[in-house]
Amino acid sequence: MRTVIVFMLLSIFSGCKTKQEPISFMLLEKHSGKSTIGYGDNGYKYIYREVYLISNRPKTGIKDKLDKQSYDLEFNFFKKNNKICLLEDDITYSAMYFYDKTTCTEHFIENSEDATGFSQTYISDCKGDIEYSFFYKRDINDPNMWIMDDVLWGKRYQDTIYCNTNRKKIKLPDMPN
């Protein structure tokens, strides 16, 4: 009899497990594209940026600290999906930003940032939701080389992306106004 009760309890508890939804990345189109970042000796400087919301990212319990598991997840996504080697020659910077998908960041799926009036809204106002960003600068001497120089976990971190010299360049979308 005890065996039957134990078996029934195990069946009930194992049936109550909830499945983890798959991790997904959503591009915020209203916050992504080519835009002016400044003016230099040779004219305007441009950046190509992409902003992603992450749904169902595993929670580590570490709040407001760099988290290696999340970093690796986002860096692997960046490595597989960046468009650096496709960028036009006039683009000097490339960045990919990641935010947790929350009620604060969901606002920006349909809405652009608003810098006017009393109701100014910026995605950076969702302070607790930003994860990581990968910011690369085109090398001045070699336009086929992109360099990231950052500090992670108290240590200097550098990464270089080399693009094929015969790479095909495409016109990527401009940032919406």
Protein backbone atom coordinates (compact mmCIF):
# COMPACT_ATOMS: atom_id res chain seq x y z
CA MET A 1 0.00 0.00 0.00
CA ARG A 2 2.81 2.41 0.85
CA THR A 3 4.40 1.71 -2.49
CA VAL A 4 1.18 2.66 -4.29
CA ILE A 5 0.87 5.92 -2.31
CA VAL A 6 4.52 6.84 -2.96
CA PHE A 7 4.10 6.05 -6.65
CA MET A 8 0.95 8.21 -6.84
CA LEU A 9 2.65 11.12 -5.07
CA LEU A 10 5.67 10.91 -7.37
CA SER A 11 3.35 10.86 -10.38
CA ILE A 12 1.52 13.95 -9.14
CA PHE A 13 4.71 15.89 -8.38
CA SER A 14 6.43 14.94 -11.62
CA GLY A 15 3.33 16.02 -13.56
CA CYS A 16 3.43 19.46 -11.89
CA LYS A 17 6.83 20.44 -13.24
CA THR A 18 6.65 23.47 -15.47
CA LYS A 19 8.63 23.54 -18.65
CA GLN A 20 11.11 26.35 -19.16
CA GLU A 21 10.06 28.37 -22.20
CA PRO A 22 12.83 28.62 -24.82
CA ILE A 23 15.07 31.67 -24.71
CA SER A 24 14.21 34.11 -27.48
CA PHE A 25 15.71 37.32 -28.82
CA MET A 26 13.47 40.04 -30.29
CA LEU A 27 14.95 42.83 -32.41
CA LEU A 28 13.60 46.28 -31.54
CA GLU A 29 13.32 47.63 -35.07
CA LYS A 30 12.50 51.18 -33.93
CA HIS A 31 15.82 51.30 -32.07
CA SER A 32 18.05 49.54 -34.57
CA GLY A 33 19.80 50.66 -37.74
CA LYS A 34 22.37 53.11 -39.03
CA SER A 35 22.52 56.54 -37.41
CA THR A 36 24.84 59.50 -37.00
CA ILE A 37 27.04 59.35 -33.92
CA GLY A 38 29.07 62.52 -34.42
CA TYR A 39 31.16 64.56 -36.76
CA GLY A 40 34.86 63.96 -37.44
CA ASP A 41 37.66 65.11 -39.69
CA ASN A 42 36.22 63.25 -42.68
CA GLY A 43 32.58 64.20 -42.13
CA TYR A 44 29.85 62.44 -40.23
CA LYS A 45 30.58 59.30 -38.22
CA TYR A 46 27.98 56.57 -38.28
CA ILE A 47 27.05 53.69 -36.02
CA TYR A 48 25.06 50.60 -36.87
CA ARG A 49 23.27 49.32 -33.80
CA GLU A 50 20.85 46.59 -32.97
CA VAL A 51 18.81 46.40 -29.77
CA TYR A 52 17.37 43.08 -28.60
CA LEU A 53 14.94 42.06 -25.89
CA ILE A 54 15.59 38.67 -24.30
CA SER A 55 12.68 36.54 -23.10
CA ASN A 56 12.98 33.59 -20.72
CA ARG A 57 16.65 34.11 -19.90
CA PRO A 58 17.66 31.77 -17.07
CA LYS A 59 17.69 33.61 -13.75
CA THR A 60 20.90 33.27 -11.80
CA GLY A 61 19.87 35.13 -8.66
CA ILE A 62 22.70 37.62 -9.12
CA LYS A 63 21.28 41.13 -9.28
CA ASP A 64 23.25 44.15 -10.52
CA LYS A 65 26.42 42.11 -11.10
CA LEU A 66 28.11 40.81 -14.20
CA ASP A 67 26.92 37.29 -14.78
CA LYS A 68 29.14 34.95 -16.81
CA GLN A 69 26.25 32.67 -17.88
CA SER A 70 24.20 35.57 -19.28
CA TYR A 71 27.27 37.14 -20.85
CA ASP A 72 28.14 33.88 -22.63
CA LEU A 73 24.56 33.48 -23.89
CA GLU A 74 24.51 37.01 -25.32
CA PHE A 75 28.07 36.87 -26.68
CA ASN A 76 27.28 33.62 -28.53
CA PHE A 77 24.16 35.25 -30.00
CA PHE A 78 26.27 38.25 -31.02
CA LYS A 79 28.93 36.05 -32.66
CA LYS A 80 26.30 34.18 -34.70
CA ASN A 81 24.13 37.19 -35.66
CA ASN A 82 26.28 40.31 -35.94
CA LYS A 83 26.43 42.09 -39.28
CA ILE A 84 29.83 43.75 -38.84
CA CYS A 85 31.38 42.26 -41.98
CA LEU A 86 28.41 43.43 -44.07
CA LEU A 87 28.60 47.09 -43.02
CA GLU A 88 29.23 49.86 -45.49
CA ASP A 89 32.60 51.60 -45.39
CA ASP A 90 31.24 54.83 -43.89
CA ILE A 91 30.14 53.09 -40.67
CA THR A 92 32.75 53.55 -37.92
CA TYR A 93 31.04 51.82 -34.98
CA SER A 94 28.89 48.76 -34.48
CA ALA A 95 26.94 47.90 -31.34
CA MET A 96 24.53 45.24 -30.19
CA TYR A 97 22.57 45.91 -26.98
CA PHE A 98 20.61 43.41 -24.89
CA TYR A 99 17.76 44.11 -22.45
CA ASP A 100 15.56 41.75 -20.49
CA LYS A 101 12.00 41.79 -21.81
CA THR A 102 9.98 43.40 -19.02
CA THR A 103 6.96 45.67 -18.82
CA CYS A 104 9.36 48.63 -19.01
CA THR A 105 11.22 47.47 -22.13
CA GLU A 106 8.09 46.09 -23.85
CA HIS A 107 6.95 49.70 -24.26
CA PHE A 108 9.72 50.14 -26.86
CA ILE A 109 8.52 47.33 -29.11
CA GLU A 110 5.92 49.66 -30.60
CA ASN A 111 7.30 53.03 -29.45
CA SER A 112 10.45 54.94 -30.27
CA GLU A 113 12.31 56.91 -27.67
CA ASP A 114 10.75 60.31 -27.06
CA ALA A 115 13.02 63.26 -26.27
CA THR A 116 10.29 65.90 -26.25
CA GLY A 117 7.98 67.38 -23.64
CA PHE A 118 7.29 66.18 -20.12
CA SER A 119 6.82 62.54 -21.06
CA GLN A 120 10.36 61.85 -22.24
CA THR A 121 11.02 58.13 -22.47
CA TYR A 122 14.29 56.36 -23.12
CA ILE A 123 15.02 52.67 -23.11
CA SER A 124 17.95 53.46 -20.83
CA ASP A 125 15.34 54.44 -18.20
CA CYS A 126 14.75 50.69 -17.79
CA LYS A 127 17.93 50.58 -15.70
CA GLY A 128 17.56 47.15 -14.15
CA ASP A 129 16.78 45.54 -17.49
CA ILE A 130 19.96 46.22 -19.44
CA GLU A 131 22.22 43.25 -19.79
CA TYR A 132 25.28 43.59 -21.99
CA SER A 133 26.35 45.52 -25.02
CA PHE A 134 29.02 44.68 -27.54
CA PHE A 135 30.58 47.83 -28.98
CA TYR A 136 33.14 47.55 -31.78
CA LYS A 137 35.11 50.26 -33.53
CA ARG A 138 36.49 49.95 -37.06
CA ASP A 139 40.29 50.08 -37.10
CA ILE A 140 41.64 53.29 -38.63
CA ASN A 141 44.45 51.56 -40.55
CA ASP A 142 42.60 48.40 -41.58
CA PRO A 143 38.90 48.92 -42.46
CA ASN A 144 38.39 45.14 -42.46
CA MET A 145 39.25 44.87 -38.75
CA TRP A 146 36.87 45.68 -35.89
CA ILE A 147 38.03 45.97 -32.27
CA MET A 148 36.21 45.73 -28.94
CA ASP A 149 38.05 46.94 -25.86
CA ASP A 150 36.13 46.54 -22.61
CA VAL A 151 36.52 45.76 -18.91
CA LEU A 152 34.68 42.68 -17.65
CA TRP A 153 34.93 41.13 -14.19
CA GLY A 154 37.65 43.63 -13.33
CA LYS A 155 39.88 42.56 -16.23
CA ARG A 156 40.58 44.13 -19.60
CA TYR A 157 38.88 42.19 -22.40
CA GLN A 158 39.68 42.63 -26.07
CA ASP A 159 38.16 41.00 -29.12
CA THR A 160 38.92 41.49 -32.78
CA ILE A 161 36.80 40.60 -35.78
CA TYR A 162 38.56 40.29 -39.12
CA CYS A 163 36.44 40.59 -42.23
CA ASN A 164 37.32 39.14 -45.61
CA THR A 165 38.68 41.89 -47.88
CA ASN A 166 36.36 40.73 -50.68
CA ARG A 167 33.32 40.79 -48.45
CA LYS A 168 30.00 41.82 -49.84
CA LYS A 169 28.65 44.99 -48.25
CA ILE A 170 24.95 45.69 -48.06
CA LYS A 171 22.87 48.74 -47.29
CA LEU A 172 21.38 48.01 -43.90
CA PRO A 173 18.36 49.99 -42.70
CA ASP A 174 18.72 53.44 -41.21
CA MET A 175 17.37 54.13 -37.75
CA PRO A 176 13.75 55.26 -37.90
CA ASN A 177 13.31 58.90 -36.91
